[in-house]
Protein backbone atom coordinates (compact mmCIF):
# COMPACT_ATOMS: atom_id res chain seq x y z
CA MET A 1 0.26 -30.46 -13.03
CA ALA A 2 -0.87 -26.94 -12.04
CA ARG A 3 -2.30 -28.27 -8.78
CA THR A 4 1.03 -29.92 -7.99
CA ILE A 5 2.91 -26.64 -8.53
CA ASN A 6 0.41 -24.77 -6.35
CA ARG A 7 0.93 -27.30 -3.55
CA LEU A 8 4.71 -27.05 -3.84
CA GLN A 9 4.88 -23.23 -3.65
CA PRO A 10 3.51 -22.91 -0.06
CA ASN A 11 5.73 -25.81 1.02
CA ARG A 12 8.76 -24.10 -0.52
CA LEU A 13 7.91 -20.84 1.25
CA ALA A 14 7.46 -22.67 4.55
CA GLN A 15 10.88 -24.27 4.12
CA LEU A 16 12.49 -20.89 3.46
CA LEU A 17 10.86 -19.38 6.53
CA SER A 18 11.78 -22.32 8.77
CA ASN A 19 15.48 -21.86 7.98
CA LYS A 20 17.03 -19.08 10.10
CA LYS A 21 19.46 -17.94 7.40
CA THR A 22 16.94 -17.72 4.57
CA ARG A 23 14.25 -16.31 6.87
CA LYS A 24 16.39 -13.21 7.48
CA ILE A 25 16.19 -12.54 3.73
CA VAL A 26 12.70 -13.80 2.88
CA ALA A 27 10.85 -12.28 5.86
CA PRO A 28 11.91 -8.67 5.10
CA LEU A 29 11.03 -9.18 1.42
CA ILE A 30 7.56 -10.33 2.39
CA ALA A 31 7.17 -7.34 4.73
CA VAL A 32 8.25 -4.93 1.97
CA ALA A 33 5.84 -6.55 -0.50
CA VAL A 34 2.95 -6.22 1.96
CA LEU A 35 3.78 -2.56 2.64
CA LEU A 36 3.96 -1.82 -1.08
CA VAL A 37 0.56 -3.43 -1.65
CA ILE A 38 -0.97 -1.43 1.22
CA TRP A 39 0.64 1.76 -0.11
CA GLN A 40 -0.69 1.04 -3.62
CA LEU A 41 -4.20 0.43 -2.32
CA LEU A 42 -4.19 3.62 -0.23
CA THR A 43 -3.16 5.73 -3.23
CA LEU A 44 -5.58 4.33 -5.81
CA SER A 45 -7.86 7.35 -5.46
CA PRO A 46 -7.20 10.20 -7.94
CA ASP A 47 -7.44 12.59 -4.96
CA ALA A 48 -4.57 10.91 -3.08
CA ASN A 49 -1.93 13.37 -1.88
CA LEU A 50 0.94 10.93 -2.38
CA PRO A 51 1.85 9.03 -5.54
CA SER A 52 1.54 5.25 -5.66
CA PRO A 53 4.65 3.02 -5.78
CA ILE A 54 4.07 2.38 -9.48
CA LYS A 55 3.76 6.09 -10.18
CA VAL A 56 6.93 6.82 -8.18
CA VAL A 57 8.91 4.37 -10.31
CA GLU A 58 7.43 5.74 -13.52
CA GLN A 59 8.22 9.37 -12.63
CA THR A 60 11.75 8.70 -11.36
CA TRP A 61 12.80 5.98 -13.79
CA GLU A 62 15.50 8.14 -15.38
CA LEU A 63 16.98 8.89 -11.95
CA ILE A 64 16.97 5.20 -11.08
CA ILE A 65 18.58 3.89 -14.27
CA ASN A 66 21.02 6.78 -14.69
CA PRO A 67 22.38 7.81 -11.27
CA PHE A 68 25.73 8.97 -12.71
CA PHE A 69 24.67 11.87 -14.96
CA ASP A 70 26.39 15.19 -14.33
CA LYS A 71 25.08 18.30 -16.06
CA GLY A 72 26.96 20.73 -13.85
CA ALA A 73 26.14 22.77 -10.74
CA THR A 74 23.56 20.88 -8.65
CA ASN A 75 22.01 19.07 -11.61
CA LYS A 76 23.58 15.68 -10.90
CA GLY A 77 22.46 12.08 -10.52
CA LEU A 78 21.64 10.46 -7.21
CA PHE A 79 25.05 8.79 -7.04
CA TRP A 80 26.85 12.14 -7.01
CA GLN A 81 24.35 13.64 -4.58
CA ILE A 82 24.87 10.79 -2.12
CA TRP A 83 28.62 10.72 -2.71
CA ALA A 84 28.89 14.42 -1.83
CA SER A 85 26.98 13.80 1.39
CA LEU A 86 29.07 10.74 2.23
CA GLN A 87 32.29 12.71 1.81
CA ARG A 88 31.11 15.25 4.37
CA VAL A 89 30.02 12.46 6.72
CA LEU A 90 33.35 10.67 6.35
CA GLN A 91 35.31 13.80 7.26
CA GLY A 92 33.14 14.85 10.19
CA PHE A 93 32.65 11.36 11.59
CA THR A 94 36.33 10.41 11.31
CA LEU A 95 37.33 13.55 13.20
CA ALA A 96 34.64 12.88 15.81
CA ALA A 97 35.86 9.29 16.25
CA ILE A 98 39.48 10.33 16.78
CA VAL A 99 38.67 13.19 19.16
CA GLY A 100 35.83 11.37 20.91
CA ILE A 101 37.76 8.18 21.66
CA SER A 102 40.76 10.17 22.89
CA ILE A 103 38.68 12.38 25.18
CA GLY A 104 36.67 9.40 26.41
CA ILE A 105 39.74 7.44 27.45
CA VAL A 106 41.35 10.42 29.19
CA VAL A 107 38.17 11.42 31.04
CA GLY A 108 37.28 7.82 31.87
CA THR A 109 40.60 7.19 33.59
CA ASN A 110 40.48 10.41 35.64
CA GLU A 111 37.73 10.77 38.26
CA PHE A 112 38.24 14.51 38.68
CA LEU A 113 37.92 15.17 34.93
CA TYR A 114 34.84 12.95 34.78
CA ASP A 115 33.12 14.81 37.63
CA ALA A 116 34.03 18.15 36.04
CA LEU A 117 33.12 17.41 32.42
CA ASP A 118 30.24 14.92 32.56
CA PRO A 119 27.57 17.59 33.31
CA ILE A 120 28.87 19.63 30.36
CA PHE A 121 28.73 16.59 28.06
CA GLN A 122 25.17 15.84 29.18
CA ILE A 123 24.06 19.40 28.41
CA LEU A 124 25.77 19.66 25.02
CA ARG A 125 24.60 16.27 23.75
CA THR A 126 20.95 17.30 24.05
CA ILE A 127 21.34 20.27 21.68
CA PRO A 128 19.67 19.48 18.31
CA PRO A 129 22.14 19.17 15.40
CA LEU A 130 20.68 22.03 13.35
CA ALA A 131 20.93 24.38 16.33
CA TRP A 132 24.71 24.26 15.83
CA LEU A 133 24.49 25.33 12.18
CA PRO A 134 24.23 29.11 12.75
CA ILE A 135 27.24 28.95 15.10
CA ALA A 136 29.17 26.97 12.49
CA LEU A 137 28.28 29.39 9.68
CA ALA A 138 29.27 32.36 11.83
CA THR A 139 32.59 30.70 12.67
CA PHE A 140 33.66 29.25 9.31
CA GLN A 141 31.80 31.61 6.94
CA GLN A 142 31.48 28.71 4.47
CA SER A 143 28.79 26.09 4.00
CA ASN A 144 30.91 22.97 3.54
CA PRO A 145 33.07 23.31 6.69
CA SER A 146 29.92 24.25 8.59
CA ALA A 147 28.17 21.03 7.49
CA ILE A 148 31.22 18.98 8.49
CA PHE A 149 31.26 20.68 11.90
CA VAL A 150 27.57 19.85 12.42
CA ILE A 151 28.36 16.19 11.71
CA PHE A 152 31.32 16.31 14.09
CA ILE A 153 29.45 17.92 16.97
CA THR A 154 26.44 15.64 16.50
CA SER A 155 28.31 12.33 16.44
CA ILE A 156 31.00 13.00 19.03
CA TRP A 157 28.84 12.74 22.16
CA PRO A 158 27.81 9.06 21.95
CA ILE A 159 31.42 8.20 21.13
CA ILE A 160 32.75 10.08 24.16
CA LEU A 161 30.12 8.78 26.58
CA ASN A 162 30.35 5.15 25.47
CA THR A 163 34.15 5.23 25.61
CA ILE A 164 34.01 6.67 29.14
CA ALA A 165 31.56 3.93 30.13
CA GLY A 166 33.89 1.29 28.72
CA VAL A 167 36.90 2.61 30.62
CA GLN A 168 34.93 2.78 33.86
CA GLN A 169 33.76 -0.81 33.43
CA ILE A 170 37.29 -2.22 33.46
CA PRO A 171 37.37 -4.84 36.27
CA GLN A 172 39.34 -3.75 39.31
CA ASP A 173 41.25 -7.03 39.15
CA TYR A 174 42.73 -5.95 35.82
CA VAL A 175 43.86 -2.67 37.34
CA ASN A 176 45.38 -4.43 40.34
CA VAL A 177 47.26 -6.92 38.16
CA SER A 178 48.64 -4.10 36.00
CA LYS A 179 49.98 -2.45 39.16
CA VAL A 180 51.55 -5.67 40.37
CA LEU A 181 53.20 -6.20 36.98
CA GLN A 182 54.24 -2.53 37.01
CA LEU A 183 53.00 -1.96 33.49
CA SER A 184 54.00 1.29 31.85
CA ARG A 185 51.29 3.74 30.76
CA LYS A 186 51.66 2.54 27.18
CA GLU A 187 51.44 -1.14 28.17
CA TYR A 188 48.45 -0.46 30.46
CA PHE A 189 46.63 1.30 27.64
CA LEU A 190 47.41 -1.29 24.94
CA ASP A 191 47.00 -4.42 27.08
CA VAL A 192 44.24 -3.44 29.50
CA VAL A 193 42.31 -0.25 28.68
CA PHE A 194 41.92 -0.52 24.91
CA PRO A 195 40.86 -4.22 24.67
CA ALA A 196 38.32 -3.78 27.49
CA THR A 197 36.91 -0.60 25.97
CA VAL A 198 36.65 -1.64 22.30
CA PRO A 199 33.08 -3.07 22.52
CA TYR A 200 31.84 0.16 24.08
CA ILE A 201 33.72 2.25 21.52
CA PHE A 202 32.02 0.46 18.63
CA THR A 203 28.64 0.92 20.26
CA GLY A 204 29.34 4.66 20.29
CA LEU A 205 30.59 4.56 16.70
CA ARG A 206 27.41 2.83 15.47
CA ILE A 207 25.23 5.41 17.19
CA GLY A 208 27.48 8.24 15.98
CA VAL A 209 27.49 7.23 12.32
CA GLY A 210 23.70 7.02 12.32
CA LEU A 211 23.43 10.50 13.84
CA SER A 212 25.98 11.78 11.31
CA TRP A 213 23.87 10.64 8.39
CA LEU A 214 20.74 12.15 9.92
CA ALA A 215 22.54 15.44 10.57
CA ILE A 216 24.02 15.87 7.09
CA VAL A 217 20.72 15.32 5.31
CA ALA A 218 19.06 17.97 7.49
CA ALA A 219 22.00 20.39 7.27
CA GLU A 220 22.22 20.18 3.48
CA MET A 221 18.60 21.27 3.21
CA LEU A 222 19.67 24.60 4.67
CA ILE A 223 23.17 25.14 3.26
CA GLY A 224 22.38 24.09 -0.34
CA GLY A 225 24.88 22.80 -2.88
CA VAL A 226 25.36 19.24 -4.08
CA GLY A 227 24.09 16.66 -1.59
CA ILE A 228 21.14 14.38 -1.02
CA GLY A 229 19.66 16.73 1.58
CA PHE A 230 19.50 19.68 -0.81
CA PHE A 231 18.24 17.35 -3.56
CA ILE A 232 15.25 16.48 -1.35
CA TRP A 233 14.61 20.14 -0.54
CA ASP A 234 14.91 21.14 -4.20
CA ALA A 235 12.45 18.39 -5.14
CA TRP A 236 10.02 19.74 -2.56
CA ASN A 237 10.27 23.24 -3.99
CA ALA A 238 9.49 21.74 -7.40
CA ALA A 239 6.54 19.80 -5.90
CA ASN A 240 8.11 16.54 -7.10
CA ILE A 241 7.02 14.13 -4.38
CA SER A 242 8.15 11.08 -6.34
CA GLN A 243 11.75 12.31 -6.35
CA ILE A 244 11.55 12.92 -2.61
CA ILE A 245 10.32 9.39 -1.99
CA ILE A 246 13.02 7.74 -4.11
CA ALA A 247 15.68 9.93 -2.44
CA LEU A 248 14.40 8.92 1.01
CA LEU A 249 14.70 5.28 -0.03
CA TYR A 250 18.33 5.84 -1.02
CA VAL A 251 19.00 7.70 2.24
CA GLY A 252 17.63 4.77 4.24
CA LEU A 253 19.65 2.21 2.29
CA VAL A 254 22.89 4.18 2.71
CA GLY A 255 22.20 4.63 6.42
CA LEU A 256 21.70 0.88 6.77
CA LEU A 257 24.92 0.23 4.86
CA LEU A 258 26.88 2.59 7.13
CA ASP A 259 25.55 0.88 10.26
CA LYS A 260 26.26 -2.60 8.92
CA THR A 261 29.78 -1.55 7.92
CA ILE A 262 30.61 -0.43 11.46
CA ALA A 263 29.01 -3.59 12.84
CA PHE A 264 31.07 -5.76 10.47
CA ILE A 265 34.31 -4.03 11.47
CA ALA A 266 33.35 -4.56 15.11
CA THR A 267 33.06 -8.33 14.57
CA LYS A 268 36.65 -8.33 13.31
CA VAL A 269 38.06 -6.11 16.05
CA VAL A 270 36.10 -6.89 19.21
CA PRO A 271 37.48 -9.92 21.10
CA ASP A 272 35.33 -13.05 20.78
CA GLU A 273 34.68 -13.29 24.51
CA THR A 274 33.07 -9.83 24.53
CA THR A 275 30.76 -10.31 21.53
């Protein structure tokens, strides 16, 4: 009986891996399991600088099972730390999306504006996110608006540039037909420009939301307060590597969720023929 079960298990695994739908779930789980085993083996030595996966879980178990505790000030569970960061990202990214898409459409439809502003965009987009933080603090004199500004200025450039690219890729035939039909500016935008540009816009949004999440974690390490970035920095000051590792795991999962959310919305908005 045991031999029969042992023969069935590899066959079952092979069936799961041969199916495209189940393979997308099973294959990552196998990869994670292998990485955890390697990590555990590399940290078996008492002299290891990093804790093992088992030790990380043991030392952060209270954080894992109780993410909603709130003892005031910055002593809060991981849920509240991440929620505070997400609120800043939502504000900065939403503002960047509105401004970025608007600027991209205007610049993309005007050759003079494109020639004038594109070099400026290319220079500003290469500035590291944290380099903007001193300027933001000097301007707003408060940490929270400064963090939101860093998110805004970090995520706006891919949105602008991808929107411009989308507008410039509109087929000339579409433009000619709109002239023949004598479409108004509103009709031209709604019926020609926007549908043709949407795929490019969502590409910019996916890049922008990823950069936003990266920027807020880094910015919060410097400005302090409630947020997952400051939580990581505070754990480092307390030499609690296990808390840092579990926080990084949460950061990665939230970043993945943000990207998949934008991608899901894109599947509902982008026309089928362009996906």
